[in-house]
């Protein structure tokens, strides 16, 4: 079982670098970070972390190939791989559709996302392998394009991100080195994802057990389980508007039940939205509580579904306060949550 951390890089940079160094010391597999305008630039952050780490793998979770051309993503990944002496990771998807809306990306540029992702994967593979590309596709075209950025890893691992599925999950099983999904908490949601991933791999004649099937779970961990659950509820509420009705249903949440909270968020009334997000919804869309609560969740749902890699994102005091203005008594700092997770959860596996 692999354990990694997925950062939402918003804290002061010196604190983020200390956290990444802690993950390296504790033996986490990787530290991924959100590659979105909402946060601090993760590529600069992990480049700075390269010299302060020796084992930890580093990379985006995820880079979007609509806002950013895949050749530019390949350049960044190759440069990071040289900086880390072969410890770079790359997870790509079409991107956060709420972000695409805010960039006023025309609807026609968001059509046929699976075919676009297939093309982008081919381009990334070729540029990372050869450093140059001539290509004429439906979405991307290049003539004589080259880069001096060369990765240390050969072949360079490229994984796909997906949330709603099932076609993105199947595509990942078919062509990539793995699937990283997010916001899948229930056994139904986990099974749905894993089954689609396996179908894609089997159709392509690939052994899915050799690929990286990972889930990113938002949550919190504390000796005070109620404090952890409250913090997770607050942060999970902010993800409601990014979840499709199908994904909500697979996690046991009726879309109609959270529609008022989503409407309040969209209107900018954060406090009202949080008031309209009950603890039961927070529990369904996060993993939070004591170490034993985490162990039970992994043993009963994640591992039996076939996942061999868990990414965690903790609702720490900084995120809770900066996003909501609230303070949760008894909630440990980010680094303390990471230590507790390492000492009591990772050690159990």
C-alpha atoms as a PDB file:
ATOM      1  CA  UNK A   1       0.000   0.000   0.000  1.00  0.00           C
ATOM      2  CA  UNK A   2       1.381   3.409  -1.010  1.00  0.00           C
ATOM      3  CA  UNK A   3       0.593   6.565   0.932  1.00  0.00           C
ATOM      4  CA  UNK A   4       1.019  10.048  -0.528  1.00  0.00           C
ATOM      5  CA  UNK A   5      -0.022  13.575   0.350  1.00  0.00           C
ATOM      6  CA  UNK A   6      -1.882  15.956  -1.960  1.00  0.00           C
ATOM      7  CA  UNK A   7      -1.245  19.599  -1.109  1.00  0.00           C
ATOM      8  CA  UNK A   8      -3.524  22.545  -1.676  1.00  0.00           C
ATOM      9  CA  UNK A   9      -0.593  24.986  -1.574  1.00  0.00           C
ATOM     10  CA  UNK A  10      -1.895  28.089   0.161  1.00  0.00           C
ATOM     11  CA  UNK A  11       0.113  28.289   3.398  1.00  0.00           C
ATOM     12  CA  UNK A  12       3.286  30.419   3.594  1.00  0.00           C
ATOM     13  CA  UNK A  13       5.923  28.891   1.360  1.00  0.00           C
ATOM     14  CA  UNK A  14       8.409  28.214   4.148  1.00  0.00           C
ATOM     15  CA  UNK A  15       5.729  26.202   5.973  1.00  0.00           C
ATOM     16  CA  UNK A  16       4.870  24.270   2.811  1.00  0.00           C
ATOM     17  CA  UNK A  17       8.529  23.423   2.234  1.00  0.00           C
ATOM     18  CA  UNK A  18       8.874  22.237   5.837  1.00  0.00           C
ATOM     19  CA  UNK A  19       5.811  20.026   5.343  1.00  0.00           C
ATOM     20  CA  UNK A  20       7.208  18.493   2.157  1.00  0.00           C
ATOM     21  CA  UNK A  21      10.498  17.822   3.931  1.00  0.00           C
ATOM     22  CA  UNK A  22       8.537  16.125   6.746  1.00  0.00           C
ATOM     23  CA  UNK A  23       6.747  13.885   4.216  1.00  0.00           C
ATOM     24  CA  UNK A  24      10.128  12.865   2.834  1.00  0.00           C
ATOM     25  CA  UNK A  25      11.497  11.999   6.289  1.00  0.00           C
ATOM     26  CA  UNK A  26       8.411   9.974   7.205  1.00  0.00           C
ATOM     27  CA  UNK A  27       8.558   7.851   4.063  1.00  0.00           C
ATOM     28  CA  UNK A  28       5.498   8.987   2.122  1.00  0.00           C
ATOM     29  CA  UNK A  29       5.584   7.825  -1.502  1.00  0.00           C
ATOM     30  CA  UNK A  30       4.902  11.211  -3.087  1.00  0.00           C
ATOM     31  CA  UNK A  31       3.768  14.752  -2.520  1.00  0.00           C
ATOM     32  CA  UNK A  32       1.415  15.948  -5.208  1.00  0.00           C
ATOM     33  CA  UNK A  33       0.048  19.492  -5.398  1.00  0.00           C
ATOM     34  CA  UNK A  34      -2.894  21.130  -7.117  1.00  0.00           C
ATOM     35  CA  UNK A  35      -1.874  22.813 -10.380  1.00  0.00           C
ATOM     36  CA  UNK A  36      -4.597  25.469 -10.462  1.00  0.00           C
ATOM     37  CA  UNK A  37      -4.689  29.261 -10.433  1.00  0.00           C
ATOM     38  CA  UNK A  38      -6.551  29.201  -7.117  1.00  0.00           C
ATOM     39  CA  UNK A  39      -3.398  28.183  -5.227  1.00  0.00           C
ATOM     40  CA  UNK A  40       0.271  29.106  -5.193  1.00  0.00           C
ATOM     41  CA  UNK A  41       2.287  27.832  -8.151  1.00  0.00           C
ATOM     42  CA  UNK A  42       3.045  24.203  -7.413  1.00  0.00           C
ATOM     43  CA  UNK A  43       5.825  23.860  -9.999  1.00  0.00           C
ATOM     44  CA  UNK A  44       7.895  26.553  -8.263  1.00  0.00           C
ATOM     45  CA  UNK A  45       7.112  24.973  -4.901  1.00  0.00           C
ATOM     46  CA  UNK A  46       8.186  21.423  -5.785  1.00  0.00           C
ATOM     47  CA  UNK A  47      11.257  22.709  -7.614  1.00  0.00           C
ATOM     48  CA  UNK A  48      12.301  24.425  -4.380  1.00  0.00           C
ATOM     49  CA  UNK A  49      11.524  21.222  -2.480  1.00  0.00           C
ATOM     50  CA  UNK A  50      13.710  19.088  -4.739  1.00  0.00           C
ATOM     51  CA  UNK A  51      16.923  19.985  -2.928  1.00  0.00           C
ATOM     52  CA  UNK A  52      15.338  19.436   0.500  1.00  0.00           C
ATOM     53  CA  UNK A  53      14.133  15.891  -0.254  1.00  0.00           C
ATOM     54  CA  UNK A  54      15.829  12.673  -1.286  1.00  0.00           C
ATOM     55  CA  UNK A  55      13.168   9.972  -1.694  1.00  0.00           C
ATOM     56  CA  UNK A  56       9.825  11.705  -2.079  1.00  0.00           C
ATOM     57  CA  UNK A  57       8.298  11.843  -5.550  1.00  0.00           C
ATOM     58  CA  UNK A  58       6.922  15.246  -6.593  1.00  0.00           C
ATOM     59  CA  UNK A  59       4.443  16.448  -9.176  1.00  0.00           C
ATOM     60  CA  UNK A  60       1.048  17.916 -10.078  1.00  0.00           C
ATOM     61  CA  UNK A  61      -2.352  16.538  -9.139  1.00  0.00           C
ATOM     62  CA  UNK A  62      -3.476  17.379 -11.779  1.00  0.00           C
ATOM     63  CA  UNK A  63      -2.256  19.441 -14.732  1.00  0.00           C
ATOM     64  CA  UNK A  64      -5.054  20.404 -17.090  1.00  0.00           C
ATOM     65  CA  UNK A  65      -4.385  19.997 -20.809  1.00  0.00           C
ATOM     66  CA  UNK A  66      -7.030  22.486 -21.985  1.00  0.00           C
ATOM     67  CA  UNK A  67      -5.658  25.564 -20.238  1.00  0.00           C
ATOM     68  CA  UNK A  68      -2.052  24.420 -20.657  1.00  0.00           C
ATOM     69  CA  UNK A  69      -0.640  22.886 -23.825  1.00  0.00           C
ATOM     70  CA  UNK A  70       0.644  19.342 -23.195  1.00  0.00           C
ATOM     71  CA  UNK A  71       4.061  20.186 -24.653  1.00  0.00           C
ATOM     72  CA  UNK A  72       4.485  22.818 -21.929  1.00  0.00           C
ATOM     73  CA  UNK A  73       3.448  20.285 -19.280  1.00  0.00           C
ATOM     74  CA  UNK A  74       6.028  17.869 -20.703  1.00  0.00           C
ATOM     75  CA  UNK A  75       8.714  20.580 -20.522  1.00  0.00           C
ATOM     76  CA  UNK A  76       7.896  21.276 -16.880  1.00  0.00           C
ATOM     77  CA  UNK A  77       7.792  17.581 -15.952  1.00  0.00           C
ATOM     78  CA  UNK A  78      11.098  16.836 -17.664  1.00  0.00           C
ATOM     79  CA  UNK A  79      12.784  19.767 -15.930  1.00  0.00           C
ATOM     80  CA  UNK A  80      11.426  18.642 -12.561  1.00  0.00           C
ATOM     81  CA  UNK A  81      12.623  15.105 -13.234  1.00  0.00           C
ATOM     82  CA  UNK A  82      16.169  16.350 -13.787  1.00  0.00           C
ATOM     83  CA  UNK A  83      15.989  18.502 -10.632  1.00  0.00           C
ATOM     84  CA  UNK A  84      14.840  15.512  -8.558  1.00  0.00           C
ATOM     85  CA  UNK A  85      17.115  12.945 -10.224  1.00  0.00           C
ATOM     86  CA  UNK A  86      14.183  10.904 -11.501  1.00  0.00           C
ATOM     87  CA  UNK A  87      11.532  11.529  -8.820  1.00  0.00           C
ATOM     88  CA  UNK A  88       8.962  13.475 -10.829  1.00  0.00           C
ATOM     89  CA  UNK A  89       5.359  12.322 -11.177  1.00  0.00           C
ATOM     90  CA  UNK A  90       2.871  13.495 -13.788  1.00  0.00           C
ATOM     91  CA  UNK A  91      -0.920  13.281 -13.525  1.00  0.00           C
ATOM     92  CA  UNK A  92      -2.977  15.039 -16.210  1.00  0.00           C
ATOM     93  CA  UNK A  93      -6.641  15.533 -17.021  1.00  0.00           C
ATOM     94  CA  UNK A  94      -8.776  17.915 -19.023  1.00  0.00           C
ATOM     95  CA  UNK A  95      -8.851  20.083 -15.899  1.00  0.00           C
ATOM     96  CA  UNK A  96     -11.200  21.658 -13.407  1.00  0.00           C
ATOM     97  CA  UNK A  97     -14.355  22.586 -15.321  1.00  0.00           C
ATOM     98  CA  UNK A  98     -15.238  25.356 -12.856  1.00  0.00           C
ATOM     99  CA  UNK A  99     -11.847  26.908 -13.611  1.00  0.00           C
ATOM    100  CA  UNK A 100     -12.480  26.590 -17.353  1.00  0.00           C
ATOM    101  CA  UNK A 101     -15.736  28.475 -16.855  1.00  0.00           C
ATOM    102  CA  UNK A 102     -13.916  31.266 -15.041  1.00  0.00           C
ATOM    103  CA  UNK A 103     -11.394  31.496 -17.881  1.00  0.00           C
ATOM    104  CA  UNK A 104     -14.348  31.783 -20.296  1.00  0.00           C
ATOM    105  CA  UNK A 105     -13.077  28.831 -22.307  1.00  0.00           C
ATOM    106  CA  UNK A 106     -15.578  28.434 -25.163  1.00  0.00           C
ATOM    107  CA  UNK A 107     -17.816  25.354 -24.961  1.00  0.00           C
ATOM    108  CA  UNK A 108     -16.423  24.021 -28.259  1.00  0.00           C
ATOM    109  CA  UNK A 109     -12.975  23.758 -26.654  1.00  0.00           C
ATOM    110  CA  UNK A 110     -14.442  21.521 -23.957  1.00  0.00           C
ATOM    111  CA  UNK A 111     -16.114  19.067 -26.316  1.00  0.00           C
ATOM    112  CA  UNK A 112     -14.916  15.494 -26.764  1.00  0.00           C
ATOM    113  CA  UNK A 113     -12.739  15.540 -23.630  1.00  0.00           C
ATOM    114  CA  UNK A 114     -11.800  11.856 -23.853  1.00  0.00           C
ATOM    115  CA  UNK A 115     -10.406  12.193 -27.360  1.00  0.00           C
ATOM    116  CA  UNK A 116      -8.559  15.353 -26.345  1.00  0.00           C
ATOM    117  CA  UNK A 117      -7.050  13.544 -23.380  1.00  0.00           C
ATOM    118  CA  UNK A 118      -6.018  10.635 -25.612  1.00  0.00           C
ATOM    119  CA  UNK A 119      -4.230  13.027 -27.957  1.00  0.00           C
ATOM    120  CA  UNK A 120      -2.572  14.863 -25.073  1.00  0.00           C
ATOM    121  CA  UNK A 121      -1.296  11.576 -23.625  1.00  0.00           C
ATOM    122  CA  UNK A 122       0.273  10.653 -26.967  1.00  0.00           C
ATOM    123  CA  UNK A 123       1.932  14.073 -27.226  1.00  0.00           C
ATOM    124  CA  UNK A 124       3.264  13.918 -23.669  1.00  0.00           C
ATOM    125  CA  UNK A 125       4.644  10.444 -24.287  1.00  0.00           C
ATOM    126  CA  UNK A 126       6.424  11.476 -27.467  1.00  0.00           C
ATOM    127  CA  UNK A 127       7.862  14.749 -26.169  1.00  0.00           C
ATOM    128  CA  UNK A 128       9.106  13.154 -22.948  1.00  0.00           C
ATOM    129  CA  UNK A 129      10.676  10.292 -24.906  1.00  0.00           C
ATOM    130  CA  UNK A 130      12.199  12.224 -27.830  1.00  0.00           C
ATOM    131  CA  UNK A 131      12.344  15.906 -26.873  1.00  0.00           C
ATOM    132  CA  UNK A 132      10.699  16.854 -30.177  1.00  0.00           C
ATOM    133  CA  UNK A 133       7.442  16.404 -32.015  1.00  0.00           C
ATOM    134  CA  UNK A 134       5.764  16.767 -35.388  1.00  0.00           C
ATOM    135  CA  UNK A 135       2.064  16.158 -35.000  1.00  0.00           C
ATOM    136  CA  UNK A 136      -1.235  16.934 -36.652  1.00  0.00           C
ATOM    137  CA  UNK A 137      -4.290  16.020 -34.618  1.00  0.00           C
ATOM    138  CA  UNK A 138      -7.827  17.126 -34.004  1.00  0.00           C
ATOM    139  CA  UNK A 139      -6.907  19.302 -31.028  1.00  0.00           C
ATOM    140  CA  UNK A 140      -3.138  19.856 -31.203  1.00  0.00           C
ATOM    141  CA  UNK A 141      -0.698  20.360 -34.066  1.00  0.00           C
ATOM    142  CA  UNK A 142       3.068  21.014 -34.103  1.00  0.00           C
ATOM    143  CA  UNK A 143       5.813  21.281 -36.679  1.00  0.00           C
ATOM    144  CA  UNK A 144       9.442  20.834 -35.701  1.00  0.00           C
ATOM    145  CA  UNK A 145       8.806  21.658 -32.031  1.00  0.00           C
ATOM    146  CA  UNK A 146      11.617  20.661 -29.660  1.00  0.00           C
ATOM    147  CA  UNK A 147      12.850  21.194 -26.100  1.00  0.00           C
ATOM    148  CA  UNK A 148      16.151  20.850 -24.265  1.00  0.00           C
ATOM    149  CA  UNK A 149      14.311  19.620 -21.170  1.00  0.00           C
ATOM    150  CA  UNK A 150      15.003  15.901 -20.814  1.00  0.00           C
ATOM    151  CA  UNK A 151      13.745  13.614 -18.032  1.00  0.00           C
ATOM    152  CA  UNK A 152      15.904  11.130 -16.140  1.00  0.00           C
ATOM    153  CA  UNK A 153      13.174   8.469 -16.105  1.00  0.00           C
ATOM    154  CA  UNK A 154      12.724   6.445 -19.286  1.00  0.00           C
ATOM    155  CA  UNK A 155       9.958   5.773 -19.972  1.00  0.00           C
ATOM    156  CA  UNK A 156       8.485   8.628 -17.997  1.00  0.00           C
ATOM    157  CA  UNK A 157       5.332   7.584 -16.077  1.00  0.00           C
ATOM    158  CA  UNK A 158       2.192   9.438 -17.144  1.00  0.00           C
ATOM    159  CA  UNK A 159      -1.051   8.950 -15.230  1.00  0.00           C
ATOM    160  CA  UNK A 160      -4.528  10.267 -15.866  1.00  0.00           C
ATOM    161  CA  UNK A 161      -6.844  11.988 -13.422  1.00  0.00           C
ATOM    162  CA  UNK A 162     -10.603  11.574 -13.448  1.00  0.00           C
ATOM    163  CA  UNK A 163     -13.586  12.126 -11.152  1.00  0.00           C
ATOM    164  CA  UNK A 164     -16.917  11.493 -12.830  1.00  0.00           C
ATOM    165  CA  UNK A 165     -16.036   8.613 -15.157  1.00  0.00           C
ATOM    166  CA  UNK A 166     -16.527   6.037 -16.419  1.00  0.00           C
ATOM    167  CA  UNK A 167     -14.887   6.809 -19.784  1.00  0.00           C
ATOM    168  CA  UNK A 168     -11.923   8.664 -18.293  1.00  0.00           C
ATOM    169  CA  UNK A 169     -11.362   5.736 -15.912  1.00  0.00           C
ATOM    170  CA  UNK A 170     -11.455   3.276 -18.812  1.00  0.00           C
ATOM    171  CA  UNK A 171      -9.066   5.421 -20.848  1.00  0.00           C
ATOM    172  CA  UNK A 172      -6.587   5.496 -17.976  1.00  0.00           C
ATOM    173  CA  UNK A 173      -6.627   1.710 -17.788  1.00  0.00           C
ATOM    174  CA  UNK A 174      -6.213   1.475 -21.543  1.00  0.00           C
ATOM    175  CA  UNK A 175      -3.302   3.831 -22.232  1.00  0.00           C
ATOM    176  CA  UNK A 176      -1.696   5.281 -19.101  1.00  0.00           C
ATOM    177  CA  UNK A 177       0.450   4.226 -16.160  1.00  0.00           C
ATOM    178  CA  UNK A 178      -2.390   4.665 -13.717  1.00  0.00           C
ATOM    179  CA  UNK A 179      -5.526   6.448 -12.618  1.00  0.00           C
ATOM    180  CA  UNK A 180      -5.745   9.021  -9.857  1.00  0.00           C
ATOM    181  CA  UNK A 181      -9.325   9.738  -8.885  1.00  0.00           C
ATOM    182  CA  UNK A 182     -10.731  12.002  -6.187  1.00  0.00           C
ATOM    183  CA  UNK A 183     -13.850  12.441  -4.078  1.00  0.00           C
ATOM    184  CA  UNK A 184     -14.654   8.723  -4.119  1.00  0.00           C
ATOM    185  CA  UNK A 185     -15.460   7.667  -0.558  1.00  0.00           C
ATOM    186  CA  UNK A 186     -18.206   5.050  -0.527  1.00  0.00           C
ATOM    187  CA  UNK A 187     -17.614   1.448  -1.480  1.00  0.00           C
ATOM    188  CA  UNK A 188     -19.994   1.981  -4.407  1.00  0.00           C
ATOM    189  CA  UNK A 189     -17.961   4.918  -5.729  1.00  0.00           C
ATOM    190  CA  UNK A 190     -14.674   3.075  -5.267  1.00  0.00           C
ATOM    191  CA  UNK A 191     -15.957  -0.102  -6.951  1.00  0.00           C
ATOM    192  CA  UNK A 192     -17.410   1.913  -9.849  1.00  0.00           C
ATOM    193  CA  UNK A 193     -14.027   3.557 -10.451  1.00  0.00           C
ATOM    194  CA  UNK A 194     -11.956   0.408 -10.119  1.00  0.00           C
ATOM    195  CA  UNK A 195     -14.288  -1.647 -12.328  1.00  0.00           C
ATOM    196  CA  UNK A 196     -14.128   0.908 -15.150  1.00  0.00           C
ATOM    197  CA  UNK A 197     -10.345   1.159 -14.838  1.00  0.00           C
ATOM    198  CA  UNK A 198     -10.030  -2.624 -15.029  1.00  0.00           C
ATOM    199  CA  UNK A 199     -12.322  -2.809 -18.073  1.00  0.00           C
ATOM    200  CA  UNK A 200     -10.121  -0.368 -19.948  1.00  0.00           C
ATOM    201  CA  UNK A 201      -6.965  -2.261 -19.050  1.00  0.00           C
ATOM    202  CA  UNK A 202      -8.440  -5.645 -19.986  1.00  0.00           C
ATOM    203  CA  UNK A 203      -9.667  -4.373 -23.373  1.00  0.00           C
ATOM    204  CA  UNK A 204      -6.110  -3.250 -24.108  1.00  0.00           C
ATOM    205  CA  UNK A 205      -4.649  -6.567 -22.926  1.00  0.00           C
ATOM    206  CA  UNK A 206      -2.945  -4.966 -19.928  1.00  0.00           C
ATOM    207  CA  UNK A 207      -2.559  -6.235 -16.376  1.00  0.00           C
ATOM    208  CA  UNK A 208      -4.264  -3.568 -14.249  1.00  0.00           C
ATOM    209  CA  UNK A 209      -2.485  -4.766 -11.101  1.00  0.00           C
ATOM    210  CA  UNK A 210       0.797  -3.399 -12.508  1.00  0.00           C
ATOM    211  CA  UNK A 211      -0.702   0.106 -12.786  1.00  0.00           C
ATOM    212  CA  UNK A 212      -1.153   2.845 -10.189  1.00  0.00           C
ATOM    213  CA  UNK A 213      -4.791   2.936  -9.038  1.00  0.00           C
ATOM    214  CA  UNK A 214      -5.045   5.755  -6.502  1.00  0.00           C
ATOM    215  CA  UNK A 215      -7.771   7.697  -4.710  1.00  0.00           C
ATOM    216  CA  UNK A 216      -7.388  11.133  -3.147  1.00  0.00           C
ATOM    217  CA  UNK A 217      -9.446  11.375   0.050  1.00  0.00           C
ATOM    218  CA  UNK A 218     -10.091  14.672   1.779  1.00  0.00           C
ATOM    219  CA  UNK A 219     -10.404  14.509   5.531  1.00  0.00           C
ATOM    220  CA  UNK A 220      -8.840  15.150   8.905  1.00  0.00           C
ATOM    221  CA  UNK A 221      -7.326  13.121  11.713  1.00  0.00           C
ATOM    222  CA  UNK A 222      -7.147  13.973  15.405  1.00  0.00           C
ATOM    223  CA  UNK A 223      -7.344  12.454  18.841  1.00  0.00           C
ATOM    224  CA  UNK A 224     -10.609  14.406  19.069  1.00  0.00           C
ATOM    225  CA  UNK A 225     -12.627  12.688  16.356  1.00  0.00           C
ATOM    226  CA  UNK A 226     -15.447  15.254  16.480  1.00  0.00           C
ATOM    227  CA  UNK A 227     -13.009  18.106  15.813  1.00  0.00           C
ATOM    228  CA  UNK A 228     -11.656  16.235  12.805  1.00  0.00           C
ATOM    229  CA  UNK A 229     -15.159  15.585  11.467  1.00  0.00           C
ATOM    230  CA  UNK A 230     -16.179  19.231  11.813  1.00  0.00           C
ATOM    231  CA  UNK A 231     -13.058  20.451  10.001  1.00  0.00           C
ATOM    232  CA  UNK A 232     -13.596  17.936   7.212  1.00  0.00           C
ATOM    233  CA  UNK A 233     -17.256  18.972   6.883  1.00  0.00           C
ATOM    234  CA  UNK A 234     -16.267  22.601   6.386  1.00  0.00           C
ATOM    235  CA  UNK A 235     -13.682  21.900   3.702  1.00  0.00           C
ATOM    236  CA  UNK A 236     -15.729  19.154   1.999  1.00  0.00           C
ATOM    237  CA  UNK A 237     -18.600  21.614   1.580  1.00  0.00           C
ATOM    238  CA  UNK A 238     -16.471  23.700  -0.760  1.00  0.00           C
ATOM    239  CA  UNK A 239     -16.233  20.742  -3.162  1.00  0.00           C
ATOM    240  CA  UNK A 240     -19.983  20.247  -3.569  1.00  0.00           C
ATOM    241  CA  UNK A 241     -20.258  22.437  -6.653  1.00  0.00           C
ATOM    242  CA  UNK A 242     -17.452  20.534  -8.413  1.00  0.00           C
ATOM    243  CA  UNK A 243     -19.138  17.155  -7.982  1.00  0.00           C
ATOM    244  CA  UNK A 244     -21.452  15.843 -10.689  1.00  0.00           C
ATOM    245  CA  UNK A 245     -24.869  14.491  -9.674  1.00  0.00           C
ATOM    246  CA  UNK A 246     -23.659  10.992 -10.548  1.00  0.00           C
ATOM    247  CA  UNK A 247     -20.656  11.293  -8.240  1.00  0.00           C
ATOM    248  CA  UNK A 248     -22.786  12.634  -5.402  1.00  0.00           C
ATOM    249  CA  UNK A 249     -25.188   9.719  -5.775  1.00  0.00           C
ATOM    250  CA  UNK A 250     -22.363   7.161  -5.817  1.00  0.00           C
ATOM    251  CA  UNK A 251     -21.253   8.606  -2.476  1.00  0.00           C
ATOM    252  CA  UNK A 252     -24.753   8.338  -1.040  1.00  0.00           C
ATOM    253  CA  UNK A 253     -25.646  12.036  -1.272  1.00  0.00           C
ATOM    254  CA  UNK A 254     -28.865  13.124  -2.981  1.00  0.00           C
ATOM    255  CA  UNK A 255     -28.114  16.067  -5.317  1.00  0.00           C
ATOM    256  CA  UNK A 256     -31.403  17.727  -4.336  1.00  0.00           C
ATOM    257  CA  UNK A 257     -30.374  17.670  -0.683  1.00  0.00           C
ATOM    258  CA  UNK A 258     -27.265  19.768  -1.313  1.00  0.00           C
ATOM    259  CA  UNK A 259     -28.699  22.000  -4.050  1.00  0.00           C
ATOM    260  CA  UNK A 260     -29.462  24.847  -1.563  1.00  0.00           C
ATOM    261  CA  UNK A 261     -25.876  24.755  -0.245  1.00  0.00           C
ATOM    262  CA  UNK A 262     -24.482  24.820  -3.789  1.00  0.00           C
ATOM    263  CA  UNK A 263     -26.746  27.748  -4.670  1.00  0.00           C
ATOM    264  CA  UNK A 264     -25.517  29.641  -1.605  1.00  0.00           C
ATOM    265  CA  UNK A 265     -21.885  28.976  -2.564  1.00  0.00           C
ATOM    266  CA  UNK A 266     -22.527  30.141  -6.122  1.00  0.00           C
ATOM    267  CA  UNK A 267     -24.086  33.310  -4.720  1.00  0.00           C
ATOM    268  CA  UNK A 268     -20.997  33.933  -2.589  1.00  0.00           C
ATOM    269  CA  UNK A 269     -22.720  33.328   0.750  1.00  0.00           C
ATOM    270  CA  UNK A 270     -20.194  30.955   2.304  1.00  0.00           C
ATOM    271  CA  UNK A 271     -21.618  31.058   5.821  1.00  0.00           C
ATOM    272  CA  UNK A 272     -25.111  30.194   4.609  1.00  0.00           C
ATOM    273  CA  UNK A 273     -23.701  27.394   2.456  1.00  0.00           C
ATOM    274  CA  UNK A 274     -21.914  25.897   5.447  1.00  0.00           C
ATOM    275  CA  UNK A 275     -25.067  26.136   7.525  1.00  0.00           C
ATOM    276  CA  UNK A 276     -26.862  24.186   4.790  1.00  0.00           C
ATOM    277  CA  UNK A 277     -24.217  21.423   4.718  1.00  0.00           C
ATOM    278  CA  UNK A 278     -25.121  18.932   7.462  1.00  0.00           C
ATOM    279  CA  UNK A 279     -22.575  16.749   9.211  1.00  0.00           C
ATOM    280  CA  UNK A 280     -23.975  13.689   7.426  1.00  0.00           C
ATOM    281  CA  UNK A 281     -22.971  15.182   4.069  1.00  0.00           C
ATOM    282  CA  UNK A 282     -19.530  16.025   5.421  1.00  0.00           C
ATOM    283  CA  UNK A 283     -19.148  12.453   6.651  1.00  0.00           C
ATOM    284  CA  UNK A 284     -20.158  11.061   3.254  1.00  0.00           C
ATOM    285  CA  UNK A 285     -17.706  13.290   1.370  1.00  0.00           C
ATOM    286  CA  UNK A 286     -14.638  12.944   3.569  1.00  0.00           C
ATOM    287  CA  UNK A 287     -12.789  10.556   5.844  1.00  0.00           C
ATOM    288  CA  UNK A 288     -12.353  12.070   9.275  1.00  0.00           C
ATOM    289  CA  UNK A 289     -12.010  11.114  12.889  1.00  0.00           C
ATOM    290  CA  UNK A 290      -9.468   9.187  14.895  1.00  0.00           C
ATOM    291  CA  UNK A 291      -6.732   6.961  13.517  1.00  0.00           C
ATOM    292  CA  UNK A 292      -8.973   3.944  14.018  1.00  0.00           C
ATOM    293  CA  UNK A 293     -11.687   5.591  11.910  1.00  0.00           C
ATOM    294  CA  UNK A 294      -9.175   5.908   9.067  1.00  0.00           C
ATOM    295  CA  UNK A 295      -7.955   2.334   9.467  1.00  0.00           C
ATOM    296  CA  UNK A 296     -11.515   1.016   9.385  1.00  0.00           C
ATOM    297  CA  UNK A 297     -12.291   2.974   6.205  1.00  0.00           C
ATOM    298  CA  UNK A 298      -9.226   1.711   4.371  1.00  0.00           C
ATOM    299  CA  UNK A 299      -9.734  -1.897   5.474  1.00  0.00           C
ATOM    300  CA  UNK A 300     -13.450  -2.010   4.698  1.00  0.00           C
ATOM    301  CA  UNK A 301     -13.695   0.049   1.487  1.00  0.00           C
ATOM    302  CA  UNK A 302     -10.519   1.265  -0.226  1.00  0.00           C
ATOM    303  CA  UNK A 303      -8.337  -1.836  -0.218  1.00  0.00           C
ATOM    304  CA  UNK A 304     -11.117  -4.372  -1.004  1.00  0.00           C
ATOM    305  CA  UNK A 305     -12.076  -2.246  -4.036  1.00  0.00           C
ATOM    306  CA  UNK A 306      -8.587  -2.819  -5.466  1.00  0.00           C
ATOM    307  CA  UNK A 307      -6.857   0.472  -4.724  1.00  0.00           C
ATOM    308  CA  UNK A 308      -3.181   0.217  -3.854  1.00  0.00           C
ATOM    309  CA  UNK A 309      -2.428   3.919  -3.387  1.00  0.00           C
ATOM    310  CA  UNK A 310      -4.044   6.511  -1.116  1.00  0.00           C
ATOM    311  CA  UNK A 311      -3.539  10.252  -1.374  1.00  0.00           C
ATOM    312  CA  UNK A 312      -4.693  12.264   1.628  1.00  0.00           C
ATOM    313  CA  UNK A 313      -5.525  15.952   1.907  1.00  0.00           C
ATOM    314  CA  UNK A 314      -6.109  17.163   5.449  1.00  0.00           C
ATOM    315  CA  UNK A 315      -8.400  19.979   6.519  1.00  0.00           C
ATOM    316  CA  UNK A 316      -5.884  21.789   8.692  1.00  0.00           C
ATOM    317  CA  UNK A 317      -6.483  24.947  10.762  1.00  0.00           C
ATOM    318  CA  UNK A 318      -5.022  27.216   8.071  1.00  0.00           C
ATOM    319  CA  UNK A 319      -7.319  25.934   5.316  1.00  0.00           C
ATOM    320  CA  UNK A 320     -10.395  25.877   7.536  1.00  0.00           C
ATOM    321  CA  UNK A 321      -9.902  29.455   8.693  1.00  0.00           C
ATOM    322  CA  UNK A 322      -8.789  30.902   5.352  1.00  0.00           C
ATOM    323  CA  UNK A 323     -11.682  29.301   3.474  1.00  0.00           C
ATOM    324  CA  UNK A 324     -14.456  29.765   6.018  1.00  0.00           C
ATOM    325  CA  UNK A 325     -13.266  32.149   8.725  1.00  0.00           C
ATOM    326  CA  UNK A 326     -13.966  29.431  11.323  1.00  0.00           C
ATOM    327  CA  UNK A 327     -11.742  27.977  14.026  1.00  0.00           C
ATOM    328  CA  UNK A 328     -12.140  24.362  15.126  1.00  0.00           C
ATOM    329  CA  UNK A 329     -10.955  23.701  18.675  1.00  0.00           C
ATOM    330  CA  UNK A 330      -8.918  20.535  19.071  1.00  0.00           C
ATOM    331  CA  UNK A 331      -7.845  20.369  15.416  1.00  0.00           C
ATOM    332  CA  UNK A 332      -4.114  19.618  15.052  1.00  0.00           C
ATOM    333  CA  UNK A 333      -1.842  21.509  12.677  1.00  0.00           C
ATOM    334  CA  UNK A 334      -1.155  20.086   9.236  1.00  0.00           C
ATOM    335  CA  UNK A 335       2.230  18.680  10.274  1.00  0.00           C
ATOM    336  CA  UNK A 336       0.773  17.156  13.437  1.00  0.00           C
ATOM    337  CA  UNK A 337      -1.976  15.485  11.419  1.00  0.00           C
ATOM    338  CA  UNK A 338       0.623  14.095   9.033  1.00  0.00           C
ATOM    339  CA  UNK A 339       2.668  12.724  11.939  1.00  0.00           C
ATOM    340  CA  UNK A 340      -0.397  11.152  13.552  1.00  0.00           C
ATOM    341  CA  UNK A 341      -1.438   9.589  10.250  1.00  0.00           C
ATOM    342  CA  UNK A 342       2.065   8.185   9.752  1.00  0.00           C
ATOM    343  CA  UNK A 343       2.455   6.857  13.279  1.00  0.00           C
ATOM    344  CA  UNK A 344      -0.963   5.251  13.680  1.00  0.00           C
ATOM    345  CA  UNK A 345      -2.452   4.645  10.224  1.00  0.00           C
ATOM    346  CA  UNK A 346       0.430   3.988   7.849  1.00  0.00           C
ATOM    347  CA  UNK A 347       2.109   1.755  10.438  1.00  0.00           C
ATOM    348  CA  UNK A 348      -1.028  -0.416  10.537  1.00  0.00           C
ATOM    349  CA  UNK A 349      -0.535  -1.309   6.866  1.00  0.00           C
END
